[in-house]
Amino acid sequence: MKSFYHVLDNLQLNDPMRWQGHFIDIETNVECLNNMRQWLTAEWYEKVLLEDELPEFAFMEDDGVILDMQHELLAALN
């Protein structure tokens, strides 16, 4: 039988957005979703301006990953 800590570690490593959806407060999750939406809808020149405000998304350089993260977080919150 798996221990609680083993399951928690797996959840953090394999499904970080699901973990965030379950254990982080709703205000932080809403802010995260808003930032993801803002980044994903921005044009390339707007993303250059947003790099200072949202450095984590600029660092990733892959909108597909950010979109997957957004979907995972939304699924966890439903």
N, C-alpha and C. Protein backbone atom coordinates (compact mmCIF):
# COMPACT_ATOMS: atom_id res chain seq x y z
N MET A 1 0.84 -1.18 0.00
CA MET A 1 0.00 0.00 0.00
C MET A 1 0.88 1.24 0.00
N LYS A 2 0.50 2.22 -0.81
CA LYS A 2 1.27 3.44 -0.91
C LYS A 2 0.95 4.37 0.26
N SER A 3 1.99 5.04 0.72
CA SER A 3 1.77 5.98 1.81
C SER A 3 1.26 7.31 1.25
N PHE A 4 0.72 8.09 2.13
CA PHE A 4 0.21 9.41 1.74
C PHE A 4 1.32 10.26 1.14
N TYR A 5 2.51 10.22 1.73
CA TYR A 5 3.62 11.04 1.26
C TYR A 5 4.11 10.59 -0.11
N HIS A 6 4.06 9.29 -0.38
CA HIS A 6 4.44 8.78 -1.70
C HIS A 6 3.46 9.30 -2.76
N VAL A 7 2.20 9.27 -2.46
CA VAL A 7 1.18 9.77 -3.39
C VAL A 7 1.35 11.27 -3.59
N LEU A 8 1.61 12.01 -2.53
CA LEU A 8 1.80 13.45 -2.61
C LEU A 8 3.03 13.79 -3.45
N ASP A 9 4.12 13.07 -3.26
CA ASP A 9 5.33 13.29 -4.07
C ASP A 9 5.07 13.00 -5.54
N ASN A 10 4.36 11.92 -5.84
CA ASN A 10 4.02 11.60 -7.23
C ASN A 10 3.16 12.69 -7.85
N LEU A 11 2.21 13.19 -7.09
CA LEU A 11 1.31 14.22 -7.59
C LEU A 11 2.09 15.50 -7.88
N GLN A 12 3.03 15.85 -7.02
CA GLN A 12 3.82 17.06 -7.23
C GLN A 12 4.71 16.93 -8.46
N LEU A 13 5.27 15.77 -8.69
CA LEU A 13 6.21 15.59 -9.80
C LEU A 13 5.50 15.34 -11.13
N ASN A 14 4.43 14.58 -11.12
CA ASN A 14 3.78 14.17 -12.36
C ASN A 14 2.64 15.09 -12.79
N ASP A 15 1.95 15.67 -11.84
CA ASP A 15 0.80 16.53 -12.14
C ASP A 15 0.87 17.80 -11.30
N PRO A 16 1.84 18.67 -11.57
CA PRO A 16 1.98 19.84 -10.68
C PRO A 16 0.78 20.77 -10.71
N MET A 17 0.10 20.91 -11.86
CA MET A 17 -1.05 21.81 -11.91
C MET A 17 -2.25 21.20 -11.19
N ARG A 18 -2.36 19.90 -11.23
CA ARG A 18 -3.43 19.23 -10.47
C ARG A 18 -3.18 19.41 -8.98
N TRP A 19 -1.93 19.27 -8.58
CA TRP A 19 -1.55 19.48 -7.18
C TRP A 19 -1.89 20.91 -6.77
N GLN A 20 -1.54 21.86 -7.62
CA GLN A 20 -1.84 23.26 -7.31
C GLN A 20 -3.35 23.47 -7.19
N GLY A 21 -4.11 22.87 -8.08
CA GLY A 21 -5.55 23.04 -8.04
C GLY A 21 -6.18 22.52 -6.75
N HIS A 22 -5.60 21.46 -6.20
CA HIS A 22 -6.16 20.87 -4.99
C HIS A 22 -5.70 21.55 -3.70
N PHE A 23 -4.48 22.05 -3.68
CA PHE A 23 -3.91 22.49 -2.41
C PHE A 23 -3.65 23.99 -2.29
N ILE A 24 -3.81 24.75 -3.35
CA ILE A 24 -3.57 26.19 -3.30
C ILE A 24 -4.92 26.91 -3.29
N ASP A 25 -4.97 28.05 -2.64
CA ASP A 25 -6.25 28.77 -2.51
C ASP A 25 -6.77 29.23 -3.87
N ILE A 26 -8.07 29.46 -3.94
CA ILE A 26 -8.75 29.76 -5.19
C ILE A 26 -8.30 31.09 -5.78
N GLU A 27 -7.98 32.08 -4.95
CA GLU A 27 -7.54 33.38 -5.47
C GLU A 27 -6.24 33.24 -6.25
N THR A 28 -5.32 32.45 -5.74
CA THR A 28 -4.05 32.22 -6.44
C THR A 28 -4.27 31.47 -7.74
N ASN A 29 -5.16 30.49 -7.72
CA ASN A 29 -5.46 29.74 -8.94
C ASN A 29 -6.12 30.62 -10.00
N VAL A 30 -7.02 31.50 -9.59
CA VAL A 30 -7.67 32.41 -10.53
C VAL A 30 -6.64 33.37 -11.13
N GLU A 31 -5.74 33.88 -10.29
CA GLU A 31 -4.69 34.76 -10.79
C GLU A 31 -3.78 34.04 -11.78
N CYS A 32 -3.45 32.80 -11.47
CA CYS A 32 -2.63 31.98 -12.37
C CYS A 32 -3.32 31.77 -13.71
N LEU A 33 -4.60 31.44 -13.68
CA LEU A 33 -5.36 31.25 -14.91
C LEU A 33 -5.46 32.53 -15.73
N ASN A 34 -5.65 33.66 -15.04
CA ASN A 34 -5.70 34.94 -15.75
C ASN A 34 -4.36 35.25 -16.42
N ASN A 35 -3.27 34.98 -15.72
CA ASN A 35 -1.95 35.21 -16.30
C ASN A 35 -1.70 34.29 -17.50
N MET A 36 -2.13 33.04 -17.39
CA MET A 36 -1.98 32.12 -18.51
C MET A 36 -2.80 32.59 -19.71
N ARG A 37 -4.02 33.02 -19.47
CA ARG A 37 -4.88 33.53 -20.54
C ARG A 37 -4.26 34.76 -21.18
N GLN A 38 -3.74 35.66 -20.35
CA GLN A 38 -3.12 36.88 -20.86
C GLN A 38 -1.91 36.53 -21.74
N TRP A 39 -1.09 35.58 -21.31
CA TRP A 39 0.09 35.20 -22.08
C TRP A 39 -0.30 34.50 -23.39
N LEU A 40 -1.25 33.58 -23.31
CA LEU A 40 -1.62 32.80 -24.49
C LEU A 40 -2.34 33.62 -25.56
N THR A 41 -3.02 34.68 -25.17
CA THR A 41 -3.73 35.50 -26.15
C THR A 41 -2.87 36.64 -26.68
N ALA A 42 -1.69 36.84 -26.13
CA ALA A 42 -0.83 37.95 -26.55
C ALA A 42 -0.12 37.62 -27.86
N GLU A 43 0.08 38.64 -28.66
CA GLU A 43 0.88 38.52 -29.88
C GLU A 43 2.35 38.52 -29.48
N TRP A 44 3.23 38.20 -30.44
CA TRP A 44 4.65 38.06 -30.12
C TRP A 44 5.24 39.35 -29.57
N TYR A 45 4.82 40.50 -30.09
CA TYR A 45 5.37 41.77 -29.63
C TYR A 45 4.84 42.13 -28.24
N GLU A 46 3.61 41.67 -27.93
CA GLU A 46 3.07 41.88 -26.58
C GLU A 46 3.78 40.99 -25.57
N LYS A 47 4.18 39.80 -26.01
CA LYS A 47 4.91 38.89 -25.11
C LYS A 47 6.26 39.46 -24.73
N VAL A 48 6.88 40.20 -25.63
CA VAL A 48 8.15 40.86 -25.30
C VAL A 48 7.93 41.85 -24.16
N LEU A 49 6.82 42.56 -24.20
CA LEU A 49 6.50 43.52 -23.14
C LEU A 49 6.10 42.82 -21.84
N LEU A 50 5.51 41.63 -21.95
CA LEU A 50 5.05 40.90 -20.76
C LEU A 50 6.17 40.08 -20.09
N GLU A 51 7.34 39.99 -20.73
CA GLU A 51 8.41 39.15 -20.17
C GLU A 51 8.81 39.56 -18.76
N ASP A 52 8.77 40.86 -18.45
CA ASP A 52 9.12 41.32 -17.10
C ASP A 52 8.04 40.97 -16.09
N GLU A 53 6.78 41.02 -16.53
CA GLU A 53 5.66 40.74 -15.64
C GLU A 53 5.44 39.24 -15.44
N LEU A 54 5.68 38.44 -16.49
CA LEU A 54 5.45 36.99 -16.44
C LEU A 54 6.71 36.24 -16.90
N PRO A 55 7.80 36.32 -16.13
CA PRO A 55 9.06 35.70 -16.58
C PRO A 55 9.00 34.18 -16.66
N GLU A 56 8.12 33.56 -15.88
CA GLU A 56 8.04 32.10 -15.91
C GLU A 56 7.53 31.59 -17.25
N PHE A 57 6.63 32.31 -17.88
CA PHE A 57 6.13 31.91 -19.19
C PHE A 57 7.14 32.23 -20.29
N ALA A 58 7.82 33.35 -20.17
CA ALA A 58 8.85 33.70 -21.14
C ALA A 58 9.98 32.68 -21.10
N PHE A 59 10.30 32.19 -19.91
CA PHE A 59 11.37 31.21 -19.75
C PHE A 59 11.02 29.89 -20.44
N MET A 60 9.76 29.50 -20.40
CA MET A 60 9.34 28.23 -21.00
C MET A 60 9.47 28.22 -22.51
N GLU A 61 9.17 29.35 -23.14
CA GLU A 61 9.25 29.48 -24.60
C GLU A 61 8.44 28.45 -25.36
N ASP A 62 7.36 27.94 -24.76
CA ASP A 62 6.52 26.95 -25.42
C ASP A 62 5.07 27.15 -24.99
N ASP A 63 4.29 27.75 -25.85
CA ASP A 63 2.89 28.02 -25.51
C ASP A 63 2.07 26.75 -25.39
N GLY A 64 2.49 25.68 -26.05
CA GLY A 64 1.78 24.41 -25.94
C GLY A 64 1.82 23.86 -24.53
N VAL A 65 2.96 23.99 -23.87
CA VAL A 65 3.10 23.53 -22.49
C VAL A 65 2.24 24.38 -21.57
N ILE A 66 2.24 25.68 -21.80
CA ILE A 66 1.42 26.58 -20.97
C ILE A 66 -0.06 26.27 -21.16
N LEU A 67 -0.46 25.98 -22.38
CA LEU A 67 -1.86 25.61 -22.65
C LEU A 67 -2.22 24.30 -21.94
N ASP A 68 -1.32 23.33 -21.97
CA ASP A 68 -1.55 22.07 -21.25
C ASP A 68 -1.66 22.31 -19.75
N MET A 69 -0.81 23.18 -19.22
CA MET A 69 -0.87 23.51 -17.80
C MET A 69 -2.21 24.15 -17.45
N GLN A 70 -2.67 25.03 -18.31
CA GLN A 70 -3.96 25.69 -18.09
C GLN A 70 -5.09 24.66 -18.08
N HIS A 71 -5.07 23.74 -19.01
CA HIS A 71 -6.11 22.70 -19.07
C HIS A 71 -6.07 21.80 -17.84
N GLU A 72 -4.87 21.44 -17.40
CA GLU A 72 -4.75 20.59 -16.20
C GLU A 72 -5.29 21.32 -14.96
N LEU A 73 -4.97 22.59 -14.84
CA LEU A 73 -5.45 23.35 -13.69
C LEU A 73 -6.97 23.49 -13.73
N LEU A 74 -7.53 23.79 -14.89
CA LEU A 74 -8.99 23.88 -15.01
C LEU A 74 -9.66 22.56 -14.69
N ALA A 75 -9.08 21.46 -15.15
CA ALA A 75 -9.64 20.14 -14.85
C ALA A 75 -9.60 19.85 -13.36
N ALA A 76 -8.53 20.24 -12.70
CA ALA A 76 -8.42 20.02 -11.26
C ALA A 76 -9.43 20.84 -10.49
N LEU A 77 -9.72 22.02 -10.98
CA LEU A 77 -10.67 22.90 -10.27
C LEU A 77 -12.12 22.49 -10.51
N ASN A 78 -12.37 21.74 -11.57
CA ASN A 78 -13.74 21.29 -11.82
C ASN A 78 -13.99 20.14 -10.96
